[in-house]
Amino acid sequence: MGMKRICSLINVKPETIPEYERVHADVWPDVLSCLKRANVQNYSIYRYNSLLISYMEYVGDNYDEDMANIAADTRTQEWWKVTAPMQTPLARKLEGEWWHAIPEVFHLD
């Protein structure tokens, strides 16, 4: 499998923006290590008003398994307990989604 680019959206509660940005200025090393072990690279989160836009590249061979490994990681689960209350999923998200994945319509290497 080649590299997979993933862009996702979620809302951040406006009153939590300063705290959301503060915790992301110092993401826990265990969480970052988990992402790297799961073949995630070039992961960024952007904010436009109260809309968060994430972009990451997946370079592994089994996306579903690697994402399951992230979800099973105890330290990542603790991180999500900090960040999830600050987020509100989009109204148009798919069943089972937290961040809503959006399609790529153009790419230039």
C-alpha atoms as a PDB file:
ATOM      1  CA  MET A   1       0.000   0.000   0.000  1.00  0.00           C
ATOM      2  CA  GLY A   2       1.269   3.475  -0.784  1.00  0.00           C
ATOM      3  CA  MET A   3       0.940   6.523   1.377  1.00  0.00           C
ATOM      4  CA  LYS A   4      -2.636   7.439   2.306  1.00  0.00           C
ATOM      5  CA  ARG A   5      -3.477  11.102   2.987  1.00  0.00           C
ATOM      6  CA  ILE A   6      -6.333  11.712   5.421  1.00  0.00           C
ATOM      7  CA  CYS A   7      -8.086  15.000   6.136  1.00  0.00           C
ATOM      8  CA  SER A   8     -10.783  15.217   8.806  1.00  0.00           C
ATOM      9  CA  LEU A   9     -12.962  17.877  10.392  1.00  0.00           C
ATOM     10  CA  ILE A  10     -14.483  18.466  13.815  1.00  0.00           C
ATOM     11  CA  ASN A  11     -15.698  21.514  15.714  1.00  0.00           C
ATOM     12  CA  VAL A  12     -13.952  22.842  18.795  1.00  0.00           C
ATOM     13  CA  LYS A  13     -16.141  24.504  21.416  1.00  0.00           C
ATOM     14  CA  PRO A  14     -15.257  28.218  21.150  1.00  0.00           C
ATOM     15  CA  GLU A  15     -14.812  28.642  24.900  1.00  0.00           C
ATOM     16  CA  THR A  16     -12.227  25.823  24.945  1.00  0.00           C
ATOM     17  CA  ILE A  17     -10.025  27.085  22.082  1.00  0.00           C
ATOM     18  CA  PRO A  18      -7.273  28.492  24.351  1.00  0.00           C
ATOM     19  CA  GLU A  19      -7.083  25.247  26.350  1.00  0.00           C
ATOM     20  CA  TYR A  20      -7.257  23.073  23.231  1.00  0.00           C
ATOM     21  CA  GLU A  21      -4.356  24.948  21.698  1.00  0.00           C
ATOM     22  CA  ARG A  22      -2.420  24.896  24.987  1.00  0.00           C
ATOM     23  CA  VAL A  23      -2.595  21.104  25.339  1.00  0.00           C
ATOM     24  CA  HIS A  24      -1.682  20.635  21.684  1.00  0.00           C
ATOM     25  CA  ALA A  25       1.390  22.826  22.116  1.00  0.00           C
ATOM     26  CA  ASP A  26       2.710  20.063  24.389  1.00  0.00           C
ATOM     27  CA  VAL A  27       1.193  16.741  23.281  1.00  0.00           C
ATOM     28  CA  TRP A  28       2.130  13.876  25.577  1.00  0.00           C
ATOM     29  CA  PRO A  29       5.197  12.000  24.254  1.00  0.00           C
ATOM     30  CA  ASP A  30       3.465   8.618  24.729  1.00  0.00           C
ATOM     31  CA  VAL A  31       0.641   9.730  22.437  1.00  0.00           C
ATOM     32  CA  LEU A  32       3.096  10.890  19.772  1.00  0.00           C
ATOM     33  CA  SER A  33       5.016   7.604  20.015  1.00  0.00           C
ATOM     34  CA  CYS A  34       1.783   5.641  19.599  1.00  0.00           C
ATOM     35  CA  LEU A  35       0.944   7.571  16.434  1.00  0.00           C
ATOM     36  CA  LYS A  36       4.393   6.933  14.984  1.00  0.00           C
ATOM     37  CA  ARG A  37       4.215   3.201  15.829  1.00  0.00           C
ATOM     38  CA  ALA A  38       0.894   3.164  13.954  1.00  0.00           C
ATOM     39  CA  ASN A  39       2.584   4.491  10.807  1.00  0.00           C
ATOM     40  CA  VAL A  40       1.186   8.033  11.079  1.00  0.00           C
ATOM     41  CA  GLN A  41       3.414  10.872   9.917  1.00  0.00           C
ATOM     42  CA  ASN A  42       3.074  14.534   8.940  1.00  0.00           C
ATOM     43  CA  TYR A  43       0.100  14.933  11.286  1.00  0.00           C
ATOM     44  CA  SER A  44      -1.175  18.499  11.647  1.00  0.00           C
ATOM     45  CA  ILE A  45      -4.269  20.133  13.088  1.00  0.00           C
ATOM     46  CA  TYR A  46      -5.333  23.546  11.806  1.00  0.00           C
ATOM     47  CA  ARG A  47      -8.068  25.785  13.193  1.00  0.00           C
ATOM     48  CA  TYR A  48     -10.371  28.112  11.276  1.00  0.00           C
ATOM     49  CA  ASN A  49     -12.634  29.873  13.790  1.00  0.00           C
ATOM     50  CA  SER A  50     -14.157  26.889  15.621  1.00  0.00           C
ATOM     51  CA  LEU A  51     -13.504  24.347  12.873  1.00  0.00           C
ATOM     52  CA  LEU A  52     -10.542  21.999  13.352  1.00  0.00           C
ATOM     53  CA  ILE A  53      -8.955  20.500  10.242  1.00  0.00           C
ATOM     54  CA  SER A  54      -6.596  17.564  10.677  1.00  0.00           C
ATOM     55  CA  TYR A  55      -4.231  16.222   8.058  1.00  0.00           C
ATOM     56  CA  MET A  56      -2.101  13.118   8.365  1.00  0.00           C
ATOM     57  CA  GLU A  57      -0.258  10.690   6.187  1.00  0.00           C
ATOM     58  CA  TYR A  58      -0.505   6.950   6.763  1.00  0.00           C
ATOM     59  CA  VAL A  59       2.447   4.903   5.504  1.00  0.00           C
ATOM     60  CA  GLY A  60       1.637   1.418   6.849  1.00  0.00           C
ATOM     61  CA  ASP A  61       0.160  -1.692   5.285  1.00  0.00           C
ATOM     62  CA  ASN A  62      -2.915  -2.231   7.492  1.00  0.00           C
ATOM     63  CA  TYR A  63      -4.753   1.017   8.216  1.00  0.00           C
ATOM     64  CA  ASP A  64      -7.638  -0.557  10.135  1.00  0.00           C
ATOM     65  CA  GLU A  65      -5.308  -2.526  12.406  1.00  0.00           C
ATOM     66  CA  ASP A  66      -3.063   0.464  13.064  1.00  0.00           C
ATOM     67  CA  MET A  67      -6.043   2.693  13.884  1.00  0.00           C
ATOM     68  CA  ALA A  68      -7.367  -0.036  16.224  1.00  0.00           C
ATOM     69  CA  ASN A  69      -3.968  -0.122  17.939  1.00  0.00           C
ATOM     70  CA  ILE A  70      -4.147   3.636  18.501  1.00  0.00           C
ATOM     71  CA  ALA A  71      -7.667   3.312  19.918  1.00  0.00           C
ATOM     72  CA  ALA A  72      -6.541   0.493  22.241  1.00  0.00           C
ATOM     73  CA  ASP A  73      -3.580   2.459  23.625  1.00  0.00           C
ATOM     74  CA  THR A  74      -4.224   3.383  27.268  1.00  0.00           C
ATOM     75  CA  ARG A  75      -2.310   6.655  27.168  1.00  0.00           C
ATOM     76  CA  THR A  76      -4.096   7.733  23.973  1.00  0.00           C
ATOM     77  CA  GLN A  77      -7.435   6.951  25.629  1.00  0.00           C
ATOM     78  CA  GLU A  78      -6.414   9.239  28.513  1.00  0.00           C
ATOM     79  CA  TRP A  79      -5.480  11.951  25.990  1.00  0.00           C
ATOM     80  CA  TRP A  80      -8.876  11.630  24.319  1.00  0.00           C
ATOM     81  CA  LYS A  81     -10.555  12.105  27.719  1.00  0.00           C
ATOM     82  CA  VAL A  82      -8.821  15.493  27.854  1.00  0.00           C
ATOM     83  CA  THR A  83      -9.497  16.570  24.268  1.00  0.00           C
ATOM     84  CA  ALA A  84     -12.899  15.016  23.428  1.00  0.00           C
ATOM     85  CA  PRO A  85     -14.935  17.237  25.794  1.00  0.00           C
ATOM     86  CA  MET A  86     -13.588  20.254  23.903  1.00  0.00           C
ATOM     87  CA  GLN A  87     -14.818  18.905  20.561  1.00  0.00           C
ATOM     88  CA  THR A  88     -18.214  18.626  18.896  1.00  0.00           C
ATOM     89  CA  PRO A  89     -18.568  16.313  15.874  1.00  0.00           C
ATOM     90  CA  LEU A  90     -20.001  17.772  12.693  1.00  0.00           C
ATOM     91  CA  ALA A  91     -23.721  17.302  12.203  1.00  0.00           C
ATOM     92  CA  ARG A  92     -23.056  15.585   8.866  1.00  0.00           C
ATOM     93  CA  LYS A  93     -20.556  13.016  10.162  1.00  0.00           C
ATOM     94  CA  LEU A  94     -20.933   9.358   9.286  1.00  0.00           C
ATOM     95  CA  GLU A  95     -22.153   6.745  11.758  1.00  0.00           C
ATOM     96  CA  GLY A  96     -19.363   5.873  14.180  1.00  0.00           C
ATOM     97  CA  GLU A  97     -17.172   8.844  13.229  1.00  0.00           C
ATOM     98  CA  TRP A  98     -15.813  11.371  15.707  1.00  0.00           C
ATOM     99  CA  TRP A  99     -13.666  13.381  13.284  1.00  0.00           C
ATOM    100  CA  HIS A 100     -15.395  13.475   9.872  1.00  0.00           C
ATOM    101  CA  ALA A 101     -13.125  12.315   7.022  1.00  0.00           C
ATOM    102  CA  ILE A 102     -13.420  14.404   3.874  1.00  0.00           C
ATOM    103  CA  PRO A 103     -12.425  13.434   0.324  1.00  0.00           C
ATOM    104  CA  GLU A 104      -9.331  14.721  -1.392  1.00  0.00           C
ATOM    105  CA  VAL A 105     -10.142  16.531  -4.629  1.00  0.00           C
ATOM    106  CA  PHE A 106      -6.654  17.665  -5.661  1.00  0.00           C
ATOM    107  CA  HIS A 107      -3.031  16.865  -4.826  1.00  0.00           C
ATOM    108  CA  LEU A 108       0.324  17.995  -6.204  1.00  0.00           C
ATOM    109  CA  ASP A 109       3.592  16.362  -5.106  1.00  0.00           C
END
